[in-house]
Amino acid sequence: MSGIACSGDRKWAAGKRRTLSEEQLQEIREAFELFDSDKDGHVDYHEFKVAMRALGFDKKKAEVVNFMHQYDKDEIGKISWADFKEIMTQLVLEQDPREEVLKAFKLFDSDDTGKISFKNLRQVARELGDEMNEDELRAMIDEFDKDKDGQISQAEFLNIILGPDANSSDSKS
C-alpha cells in the first residue's frame, strides 16, 4: 500500500507491543550513528539532544541534562550507544499512541480545518513522493469516510490507525 496511513499499522499504534520493532530499533541506531560525529560510540550533550529531536523527542535542556547525569557513569560528558538505546526505547514505549496519531492528523490537516480533505491528502502524497492518482486518493477517502462528508475527521483518522476502540476515551475532539 502507499506511504500514507494504512490500517496495517494498527498493531504498532495500539501500543500493545512492549518491545520495539526492528524498524524502530534501526531508526534509533541510525540517529545515533548520524549524530556520533567523531564515531567513538558515544554522543555528547548536543549530539544527544539533536539525535533525540531527530527521533521526534524535543526534550527541554533540564531533561537532557538529567539523562546525561543518570547515564554518564564515567562522567565523560557522553552517552554510550547502549545507554542511548535504553533511553530511546523507554521514551518510545512511553509514548501515547493516541497522541502520536493526533499529531500525525495535524500534519495531514495543513489548513487546520479539523478534517483531512482531498486537497490535504493529495498534498501529503506529493510530499511523500507517492505517485497516487486522483481516483486512488478519492477511494482512500471514500473507504474511511464514515459520515460521508467527503473528508476524514479526527475520529475517522483515529479509527483508521488505532481501530474502532480509538474513540472511546473521548469523543471526536
N, C-alpha and C. Protein backbone atom coordinates (compact mmCIF):
# COMPACT_ATOMS: atom_id res chain seq x y z
N MET A 1 0.85 -1.19 0.00
CA MET A 1 0.00 0.00 0.00
C MET A 1 0.88 1.24 0.00
N SER A 2 0.33 2.40 0.06
CA SER A 2 1.08 3.64 -0.03
C SER A 2 1.75 3.99 1.29
N GLY A 3 2.59 5.04 1.26
CA GLY A 3 3.23 5.53 2.47
C GLY A 3 2.30 6.32 3.35
N ILE A 4 1.08 6.54 2.88
CA ILE A 4 0.09 7.25 3.66
C ILE A 4 -0.53 6.26 4.65
N ALA A 5 -1.28 6.75 5.59
CA ALA A 5 -1.83 5.91 6.66
C ALA A 5 -2.52 4.66 6.12
N CYS A 6 -2.24 3.54 6.77
CA CYS A 6 -2.94 2.31 6.42
C CYS A 6 -3.24 1.53 7.68
N SER A 7 -4.26 0.72 7.61
CA SER A 7 -4.71 0.01 8.80
C SER A 7 -3.73 -1.05 9.26
N GLY A 8 -2.74 -1.40 8.46
CA GLY A 8 -1.74 -2.38 8.85
C GLY A 8 -0.86 -1.89 9.99
N ASP A 9 -0.90 -0.59 10.27
CA ASP A 9 -0.08 -0.03 11.33
C ASP A 9 -0.76 -0.14 12.69
N ARG A 10 -1.94 -0.69 12.74
CA ARG A 10 -2.71 -0.72 13.98
C ARG A 10 -1.98 -1.41 15.12
N LYS A 11 -1.32 -2.54 14.85
CA LYS A 11 -0.69 -3.29 15.92
C LYS A 11 0.36 -2.42 16.63
N TRP A 12 1.18 -1.70 15.84
CA TRP A 12 2.17 -0.83 16.46
C TRP A 12 1.49 0.32 17.18
N ALA A 13 0.57 0.95 16.50
CA ALA A 13 -0.04 2.16 17.02
C ALA A 13 -0.86 1.90 18.27
N ALA A 14 -1.45 0.74 18.37
CA ALA A 14 -2.27 0.44 19.53
C ALA A 14 -1.44 0.31 20.80
N GLY A 15 -0.11 0.24 20.66
CA GLY A 15 0.76 0.24 21.82
C GLY A 15 0.75 -1.06 22.60
N LYS A 16 0.27 -2.14 22.01
CA LYS A 16 0.18 -3.39 22.73
C LYS A 16 1.52 -4.09 22.83
N ARG A 17 2.42 -3.79 21.92
CA ARG A 17 3.73 -4.41 21.93
C ARG A 17 4.61 -3.67 22.94
N ARG A 18 5.30 -4.38 23.79
CA ARG A 18 6.12 -3.74 24.81
C ARG A 18 7.61 -3.79 24.48
N THR A 19 7.93 -4.14 23.27
CA THR A 19 9.30 -4.06 22.79
C THR A 19 9.26 -3.30 21.47
N LEU A 20 10.39 -2.83 21.05
CA LEU A 20 10.45 -2.07 19.81
C LEU A 20 10.53 -3.01 18.62
N SER A 21 10.00 -2.56 17.51
CA SER A 21 10.11 -3.32 16.26
C SER A 21 11.55 -3.17 15.75
N GLU A 22 11.90 -4.04 14.81
CA GLU A 22 13.22 -3.93 14.19
C GLU A 22 13.37 -2.57 13.50
N GLU A 23 12.30 -2.09 12.89
CA GLU A 23 12.33 -0.80 12.21
C GLU A 23 12.60 0.34 13.20
N GLN A 24 11.95 0.30 14.36
CA GLN A 24 12.16 1.33 15.37
C GLN A 24 13.59 1.29 15.90
N LEU A 25 14.10 0.08 16.16
CA LEU A 25 15.49 -0.05 16.62
C LEU A 25 16.47 0.47 15.56
N GLN A 26 16.18 0.19 14.30
CA GLN A 26 17.04 0.66 13.21
C GLN A 26 17.03 2.19 13.15
N GLU A 27 15.87 2.81 13.33
CA GLU A 27 15.78 4.28 13.35
C GLU A 27 16.63 4.85 14.48
N ILE A 28 16.57 4.23 15.65
CA ILE A 28 17.35 4.70 16.80
C ILE A 28 18.83 4.56 16.49
N ARG A 29 19.25 3.41 15.94
CA ARG A 29 20.66 3.20 15.61
C ARG A 29 21.13 4.22 14.57
N GLU A 30 20.32 4.45 13.55
CA GLU A 30 20.70 5.40 12.50
C GLU A 30 20.86 6.81 13.06
N ALA A 31 19.96 7.21 13.95
CA ALA A 31 20.07 8.54 14.56
C ALA A 31 21.35 8.63 15.38
N PHE A 32 21.63 7.59 16.16
CA PHE A 32 22.84 7.60 16.98
C PHE A 32 24.08 7.71 16.09
N GLU A 33 24.14 6.87 15.08
CA GLU A 33 25.32 6.86 14.20
C GLU A 33 25.48 8.17 13.45
N LEU A 34 24.36 8.76 13.05
CA LEU A 34 24.41 10.03 12.33
C LEU A 34 24.99 11.14 13.20
N PHE A 35 24.59 11.17 14.47
CA PHE A 35 25.00 12.28 15.33
C PHE A 35 26.22 11.97 16.20
N ASP A 36 26.73 10.77 16.14
CA ASP A 36 28.01 10.43 16.80
C ASP A 36 29.11 10.94 15.87
N SER A 37 29.34 12.27 15.91
CA SER A 37 30.15 12.91 14.89
C SER A 37 31.60 12.43 14.85
N ASP A 38 32.17 12.06 16.00
CA ASP A 38 33.55 11.58 15.98
C ASP A 38 33.64 10.06 15.93
N LYS A 39 32.48 9.40 15.80
CA LYS A 39 32.38 7.94 15.61
C LYS A 39 33.10 7.15 16.70
N ASP A 40 32.95 7.64 17.95
CA ASP A 40 33.59 6.94 19.07
C ASP A 40 32.62 6.07 19.86
N GLY A 41 31.38 5.92 19.35
CA GLY A 41 30.40 5.09 20.04
C GLY A 41 29.72 5.81 21.19
N HIS A 42 29.88 7.14 21.24
CA HIS A 42 29.27 7.97 22.28
C HIS A 42 28.74 9.25 21.66
N VAL A 43 27.74 9.85 22.31
CA VAL A 43 27.27 11.18 21.89
C VAL A 43 27.37 12.12 23.09
N ASP A 44 27.79 13.36 22.81
CA ASP A 44 27.84 14.35 23.88
C ASP A 44 26.45 14.99 24.03
N TYR A 45 26.34 15.95 24.92
CA TYR A 45 25.06 16.58 25.21
C TYR A 45 24.37 17.08 23.95
N HIS A 46 25.10 17.85 23.13
CA HIS A 46 24.50 18.46 21.95
C HIS A 46 24.09 17.41 20.93
N GLU A 47 24.97 16.43 20.69
CA GLU A 47 24.65 15.35 19.76
C GLU A 47 23.43 14.55 20.26
N PHE A 48 23.39 14.32 21.56
CA PHE A 48 22.30 13.57 22.18
C PHE A 48 20.97 14.31 21.99
N LYS A 49 20.99 15.61 22.27
CA LYS A 49 19.77 16.42 22.14
C LYS A 49 19.27 16.44 20.70
N VAL A 50 20.17 16.61 19.74
CA VAL A 50 19.78 16.66 18.34
C VAL A 50 19.30 15.28 17.86
N ALA A 51 19.95 14.22 18.30
CA ALA A 51 19.52 12.86 17.92
C ALA A 51 18.13 12.58 18.48
N MET A 52 17.88 13.01 19.71
CA MET A 52 16.54 12.82 20.29
C MET A 52 15.50 13.59 19.48
N ARG A 53 15.83 14.82 19.12
CA ARG A 53 14.90 15.64 18.34
C ARG A 53 14.64 14.98 16.98
N ALA A 54 15.67 14.42 16.36
CA ALA A 54 15.51 13.76 15.06
C ALA A 54 14.56 12.56 15.18
N LEU A 55 14.49 11.97 16.35
CA LEU A 55 13.60 10.84 16.58
C LEU A 55 12.21 11.27 17.08
N GLY A 56 12.00 12.59 17.13
CA GLY A 56 10.68 13.10 17.50
C GLY A 56 10.51 13.47 18.95
N PHE A 57 11.61 13.53 19.69
CA PHE A 57 11.54 13.87 21.12
C PHE A 57 12.27 15.19 21.34
N ASP A 58 11.51 16.26 21.46
CA ASP A 58 12.08 17.58 21.66
C ASP A 58 12.08 17.87 23.16
N LYS A 59 13.10 17.38 23.84
CA LYS A 59 13.17 17.49 25.30
C LYS A 59 13.82 18.81 25.72
N LYS A 60 13.40 19.29 26.86
CA LYS A 60 13.97 20.52 27.42
C LYS A 60 15.38 20.23 27.93
N LYS A 61 16.18 21.29 28.04
CA LYS A 61 17.56 21.16 28.46
C LYS A 61 17.68 20.38 29.78
N ALA A 62 16.82 20.70 30.74
CA ALA A 62 16.89 20.04 32.05
C ALA A 62 16.68 18.53 31.93
N GLU A 63 15.79 18.11 31.06
CA GLU A 63 15.55 16.67 30.88
C GLU A 63 16.76 15.99 30.26
N VAL A 64 17.37 16.65 29.26
CA VAL A 64 18.54 16.08 28.61
C VAL A 64 19.70 15.99 29.60
N VAL A 65 19.89 17.05 30.37
CA VAL A 65 20.95 17.06 31.39
C VAL A 65 20.70 15.95 32.42
N ASN A 66 19.45 15.75 32.80
CA ASN A 66 19.11 14.68 33.74
C ASN A 66 19.50 13.31 33.19
N PHE A 67 19.19 13.06 31.92
CA PHE A 67 19.60 11.80 31.28
C PHE A 67 21.11 11.66 31.29
N MET A 68 21.79 12.76 30.98
CA MET A 68 23.27 12.73 30.96
C MET A 68 23.81 12.34 32.33
N HIS A 69 23.30 12.96 33.38
CA HIS A 69 23.78 12.65 34.74
C HIS A 69 23.44 11.22 35.12
N GLN A 70 22.27 10.78 34.76
CA GLN A 70 21.81 9.45 35.12
C GLN A 70 22.61 8.35 34.42
N TYR A 71 22.99 8.56 33.15
CA TYR A 71 23.61 7.50 32.36
C TYR A 71 25.11 7.66 32.16
N ASP A 72 25.66 8.83 32.39
CA ASP A 72 27.09 9.06 32.18
C ASP A 72 27.84 8.68 33.45
N LYS A 73 27.91 7.38 33.70
CA LYS A 73 28.51 6.87 34.95
C LYS A 73 30.00 7.20 35.05
N ASP A 74 30.70 7.23 33.91
CA ASP A 74 32.14 7.52 33.92
C ASP A 74 32.43 9.01 33.94
N GLU A 75 31.37 9.81 33.92
CA GLU A 75 31.48 11.27 33.94
C GLU A 75 32.42 11.81 32.86
N ILE A 76 32.19 11.32 31.62
CA ILE A 76 33.00 11.79 30.49
C ILE A 76 32.22 12.78 29.64
N GLY A 77 30.99 13.09 30.06
CA GLY A 77 30.18 14.04 29.31
C GLY A 77 29.56 13.45 28.06
N LYS A 78 29.45 12.12 28.03
CA LYS A 78 28.90 11.45 26.85
C LYS A 78 28.02 10.28 27.26
N ILE A 79 27.15 9.90 26.33
CA ILE A 79 26.24 8.76 26.49
C ILE A 79 26.68 7.69 25.49
N SER A 80 26.78 6.45 25.94
CA SER A 80 27.16 5.35 25.05
C SER A 80 25.98 4.91 24.18
N TRP A 81 26.28 4.11 23.16
CA TRP A 81 25.22 3.55 22.31
C TRP A 81 24.23 2.76 23.15
N ALA A 82 24.72 1.91 24.04
CA ALA A 82 23.84 1.06 24.86
C ALA A 82 22.90 1.93 25.71
N ASP A 83 23.43 2.99 26.29
CA ASP A 83 22.61 3.88 27.12
C ASP A 83 21.61 4.65 26.25
N PHE A 84 22.06 5.13 25.10
CA PHE A 84 21.18 5.85 24.18
C PHE A 84 20.02 4.95 23.78
N LYS A 85 20.34 3.71 23.42
CA LYS A 85 19.31 2.75 23.02
C LYS A 85 18.32 2.51 24.16
N GLU A 86 18.81 2.39 25.38
CA GLU A 86 17.94 2.18 26.54
C GLU A 86 17.02 3.37 26.78
N ILE A 87 17.58 4.57 26.71
CA ILE A 87 16.80 5.79 26.91
C ILE A 87 15.73 5.92 25.84
N MET A 88 16.13 5.76 24.58
CA MET A 88 15.19 5.94 23.48
C MET A 88 14.12 4.85 23.48
N THR A 89 14.48 3.63 23.85
CA THR A 89 13.49 2.56 23.95
C THR A 89 12.44 2.92 24.98
N GLN A 90 12.89 3.40 26.13
CA GLN A 90 11.97 3.82 27.19
C GLN A 90 11.05 4.93 26.70
N LEU A 91 11.61 5.94 26.04
CA LEU A 91 10.81 7.06 25.55
C LEU A 91 9.80 6.61 24.50
N VAL A 92 10.20 5.76 23.59
CA VAL A 92 9.29 5.29 22.54
C VAL A 92 8.15 4.49 23.16
N LEU A 93 8.48 3.61 24.11
CA LEU A 93 7.45 2.77 24.72
C LEU A 93 6.49 3.57 25.60
N GLU A 94 6.94 4.72 26.10
CA GLU A 94 6.08 5.56 26.95
C GLU A 94 5.16 6.46 26.14
N GLN A 95 5.37 6.53 24.82
CA GLN A 95 4.53 7.40 24.01
C GLN A 95 3.07 6.95 24.06
N ASP A 96 2.19 7.93 24.05
CA ASP A 96 0.76 7.66 23.99
C ASP A 96 0.37 7.54 22.53
N PRO A 97 0.01 6.35 22.07
CA PRO A 97 -0.29 6.16 20.65
C PRO A 97 -1.37 7.12 20.14
N ARG A 98 -2.38 7.39 20.94
CA ARG A 98 -3.46 8.28 20.52
C ARG A 98 -2.92 9.69 20.27
N GLU A 99 -2.08 10.16 21.17
CA GLU A 99 -1.49 11.50 20.99
C GLU A 99 -0.60 11.55 19.75
N GLU A 100 0.15 10.49 19.51
CA GLU A 100 1.00 10.44 18.33
C GLU A 100 0.17 10.46 17.05
N VAL A 101 -0.95 9.75 17.04
CA VAL A 101 -1.82 9.73 15.88
C VAL A 101 -2.45 11.11 15.66
N LEU A 102 -2.81 11.79 16.75
CA LEU A 102 -3.37 13.14 16.62
C LEU A 102 -2.35 14.12 16.08
N LYS A 103 -1.08 13.94 16.44
CA LYS A 103 -0.02 14.78 15.87
C LYS A 103 0.08 14.53 14.36
N ALA A 104 0.01 13.26 13.98
CA ALA A 104 0.05 12.92 12.55
C ALA A 104 -1.15 13.53 11.82
N PHE A 105 -2.31 13.47 12.46
CA PHE A 105 -3.52 14.06 11.86
C PHE A 105 -3.28 15.54 11.55
N LYS A 106 -2.66 16.24 12.48
CA LYS A 106 -2.40 17.68 12.28
C LYS A 106 -1.47 17.92 11.09
N LEU A 107 -0.57 16.98 10.83
CA LEU A 107 0.30 17.12 9.67
C LEU A 107 -0.49 16.98 8.37
N PHE A 108 -1.48 16.10 8.36
CA PHE A 108 -2.35 15.95 7.19
C PHE A 108 -3.26 17.16 7.04
N ASP A 109 -3.79 17.65 8.17
CA ASP A 109 -4.76 18.76 8.17
C ASP A 109 -4.01 20.09 8.12
N SER A 110 -3.32 20.34 7.01
CA SER A 110 -2.45 21.51 6.91
C SER A 110 -3.20 22.84 6.93
N ASP A 111 -4.48 22.84 6.57
CA ASP A 111 -5.25 24.07 6.60
C ASP A 111 -6.04 24.23 7.90
N ASP A 112 -5.80 23.33 8.85
CA ASP A 112 -6.33 23.42 10.22
C ASP A 112 -7.86 23.53 10.26
N THR A 113 -8.52 22.66 9.47
CA THR A 113 -9.98 22.67 9.45
C THR A 113 -10.58 21.61 10.37
N GLY A 114 -9.72 20.73 10.89
CA GLY A 114 -10.23 19.63 11.70
C GLY A 114 -10.64 18.44 10.86
N LYS A 115 -10.38 18.51 9.56
CA LYS A 115 -10.70 17.44 8.62
C LYS A 115 -9.56 17.29 7.63
N ILE A 116 -9.40 16.07 7.10
CA ILE A 116 -8.44 15.84 6.02
C ILE A 116 -9.24 15.80 4.72
N SER A 117 -9.00 16.80 3.89
CA SER A 117 -9.71 16.91 2.62
C SER A 117 -8.93 16.18 1.52
N PHE A 118 -9.55 16.06 0.37
CA PHE A 118 -8.85 15.51 -0.80
C PHE A 118 -7.59 16.31 -1.07
N LYS A 119 -7.70 17.64 -1.00
CA LYS A 119 -6.55 18.53 -1.24
C LYS A 119 -5.42 18.24 -0.24
N ASN A 120 -5.77 18.06 1.04
CA ASN A 120 -4.77 17.73 2.06
C ASN A 120 -4.07 16.41 1.73
N LEU A 121 -4.87 15.41 1.40
CA LEU A 121 -4.33 14.09 1.12
C LEU A 121 -3.42 14.11 -0.10
N ARG A 122 -3.84 14.82 -1.14
CA ARG A 122 -3.01 14.95 -2.35
C ARG A 122 -1.69 15.63 -2.02
N GLN A 123 -1.73 16.68 -1.19
CA GLN A 123 -0.51 17.40 -0.81
C GLN A 123 0.45 16.48 -0.06
N VAL A 124 -0.06 15.70 0.89
CA VAL A 124 0.80 14.79 1.66
C VAL A 124 1.37 13.71 0.75
N ALA A 125 0.55 13.18 -0.15
CA ALA A 125 1.04 12.15 -1.09
C ALA A 125 2.18 12.71 -1.92
N ARG A 126 2.04 13.93 -2.40
CA ARG A 126 3.10 14.56 -3.20
C ARG A 126 4.36 14.76 -2.38
N GLU A 127 4.19 15.24 -1.15
CA GLU A 127 5.35 15.47 -0.28
C GLU A 127 6.09 14.18 0.02
N LEU A 128 5.37 13.08 0.10
CA LEU A 128 5.98 11.78 0.36
C LEU A 128 6.50 11.12 -0.91
N GLY A 129 6.27 11.77 -2.06
CA GLY A 129 6.70 11.20 -3.33
C GLY A 129 5.84 10.03 -3.77
N ASP A 130 4.64 9.95 -3.24
CA ASP A 130 3.71 8.87 -3.56
C ASP A 130 2.98 9.22 -4.84
N GLU A 131 3.11 8.41 -5.85
CA GLU A 131 2.52 8.67 -7.16
C GLU A 131 1.11 8.10 -7.26
N MET A 132 0.21 8.56 -6.41
CA MET A 132 -1.17 8.09 -6.44
C MET A 132 -1.99 9.04 -7.31
N ASN A 133 -2.88 8.46 -8.13
CA ASN A 133 -3.73 9.31 -8.96
C ASN A 133 -4.95 9.76 -8.16
N GLU A 134 -5.71 10.68 -8.75
CA GLU A 134 -6.88 11.25 -8.05
C GLU A 134 -7.89 10.19 -7.65
N ASP A 135 -8.11 9.21 -8.52
CA ASP A 135 -9.08 8.15 -8.21
C ASP A 135 -8.65 7.35 -6.98
N GLU A 136 -7.35 7.05 -6.89
CA GLU A 136 -6.85 6.29 -5.74
C GLU A 136 -7.00 7.10 -4.45
N LEU A 137 -6.70 8.38 -4.52
CA LEU A 137 -6.83 9.24 -3.34
C LEU A 137 -8.30 9.36 -2.92
N ARG A 138 -9.18 9.55 -3.90
CA ARG A 138 -10.62 9.64 -3.58
C ARG A 138 -11.13 8.32 -3.00
N ALA A 139 -10.62 7.21 -3.51
CA ALA A 139 -11.02 5.90 -3.00
C ALA A 139 -10.58 5.74 -1.53
N MET A 140 -9.41 6.27 -1.19
CA MET A 140 -8.96 6.20 0.21
C MET A 140 -9.92 6.97 1.11
N ILE A 141 -10.29 8.16 0.68
CA ILE A 141 -11.22 8.96 1.47
C ILE A 141 -12.56 8.25 1.57
N ASP A 142 -13.07 7.79 0.44
CA ASP A 142 -14.37 7.10 0.43
C ASP A 142 -14.39 5.89 1.35
N GLU A 143 -13.27 5.14 1.39
CA GLU A 143 -13.22 3.93 2.20
C GLU A 143 -13.36 4.23 3.69
N PHE A 144 -12.80 5.32 4.15
CA PHE A 144 -12.75 5.60 5.58
C PHE A 144 -13.68 6.72 6.03
N ASP A 145 -14.35 7.37 5.11
CA ASP A 145 -15.23 8.50 5.40
C ASP A 145 -16.60 7.97 5.85
N LYS A 146 -16.71 7.67 7.12
CA LYS A 146 -17.93 7.03 7.64
C LYS A 146 -19.15 7.95 7.63
N ASP A 147 -18.94 9.26 7.82
CA ASP A 147 -20.08 10.17 7.82
C ASP A 147 -20.38 10.74 6.42
N LYS A 148 -19.64 10.28 5.43
CA LYS A 148 -19.88 10.61 4.02
C LYS A 148 -19.90 12.10 3.71
N ASP A 149 -18.99 12.86 4.40
CA ASP A 149 -18.89 14.29 4.10
C ASP A 149 -17.76 14.61 3.12
N GLY A 150 -17.10 13.56 2.61
CA GLY A 150 -16.03 13.76 1.63
C GLY A 150 -14.69 14.09 2.25
N GLN A 151 -14.60 14.02 3.58
CA GLN A 151 -13.37 14.32 4.30
C GLN A 151 -13.18 13.32 5.43
N ILE A 152 -11.97 13.27 5.96
CA ILE A 152 -11.67 12.38 7.09
C ILE A 152 -11.57 13.22 8.35
N SER A 153 -12.43 12.93 9.32
CA SER A 153 -12.41 13.65 10.60
C SER A 153 -11.33 13.03 11.51
N GLN A 154 -11.06 13.70 12.64
CA GLN A 154 -10.12 13.13 13.62
C GLN A 154 -10.58 11.76 14.07
N ALA A 155 -11.86 11.63 14.37
CA ALA A 155 -12.39 10.35 14.84
C ALA A 155 -12.19 9.26 13.79
N GLU A 156 -12.45 9.60 12.53
CA GLU A 156 -12.27 8.63 11.45
C GLU A 156 -10.80 8.27 11.29
N PHE A 157 -9.91 9.26 11.43
CA PHE A 157 -8.47 9.02 11.31
C PHE A 157 -7.99 8.12 12.45
N LEU A 158 -8.44 8.40 13.66
CA LEU A 158 -8.09 7.55 14.80
C LEU A 158 -8.55 6.12 14.56
N ASN A 159 -9.73 5.97 14.01
CA ASN A 159 -10.28 4.65 13.71
C ASN A 159 -9.43 3.91 12.67
N ILE A 160 -8.95 4.64 11.66
CA ILE A 160 -8.10 4.05 10.63
C ILE A 160 -6.83 3.48 11.25
N ILE A 161 -6.19 4.27 12.08
CA ILE A 161 -4.88 3.90 12.60
C ILE A 161 -4.96 2.99 13.82
N LEU A 162 -5.83 3.32 14.77
CA LEU A 162 -5.86 2.60 16.04
C LEU A 162 -6.97 1.56 16.14
N GLY A 163 -7.92 1.62 15.24
CA GLY A 163 -9.02 0.66 15.30
C GLY A 163 -10.26 1.28 15.92
N PRO A 164 -11.35 0.51 15.93
CA PRO A 164 -12.65 1.05 16.35
C PRO A 164 -12.72 1.49 17.81
N ASP A 165 -11.86 1.02 18.67
CA ASP A 165 -11.91 1.42 20.08
C ASP A 165 -11.18 2.73 20.35
N ALA A 166 -10.57 3.32 19.33
CA ALA A 166 -9.73 4.51 19.50
C ALA A 166 -10.48 5.71 20.03
N ASN A 167 -11.75 5.81 19.75
CA ASN A 167 -12.52 6.99 20.13
C ASN A 167 -13.26 6.82 21.44
N SER A 168 -13.03 5.74 22.15
CA SER A 168 -13.78 5.51 23.38
C SER A 168 -13.33 6.38 24.54
N SER A 169 -12.04 6.84 24.53
CA SER A 169 -11.57 7.65 25.65
C SER A 169 -12.15 9.05 25.66
N ASP A 170 -12.41 9.60 24.50
CA ASP A 170 -13.19 10.82 24.40
C ASP A 170 -13.75 10.92 23.01
N SER A 171 -14.68 11.78 22.81
CA SER A 171 -15.34 11.81 21.51
C SER A 171 -14.52 12.55 20.48
N LYS A 172 -15.12 12.97 19.44
CA LYS A 172 -14.47 13.43 18.23
C LYS A 172 -13.73 14.75 18.37
N SER A 173 -12.95 14.96 19.36
CA SER A 173 -12.21 16.17 19.62
C SER A 173 -12.14 17.11 18.46
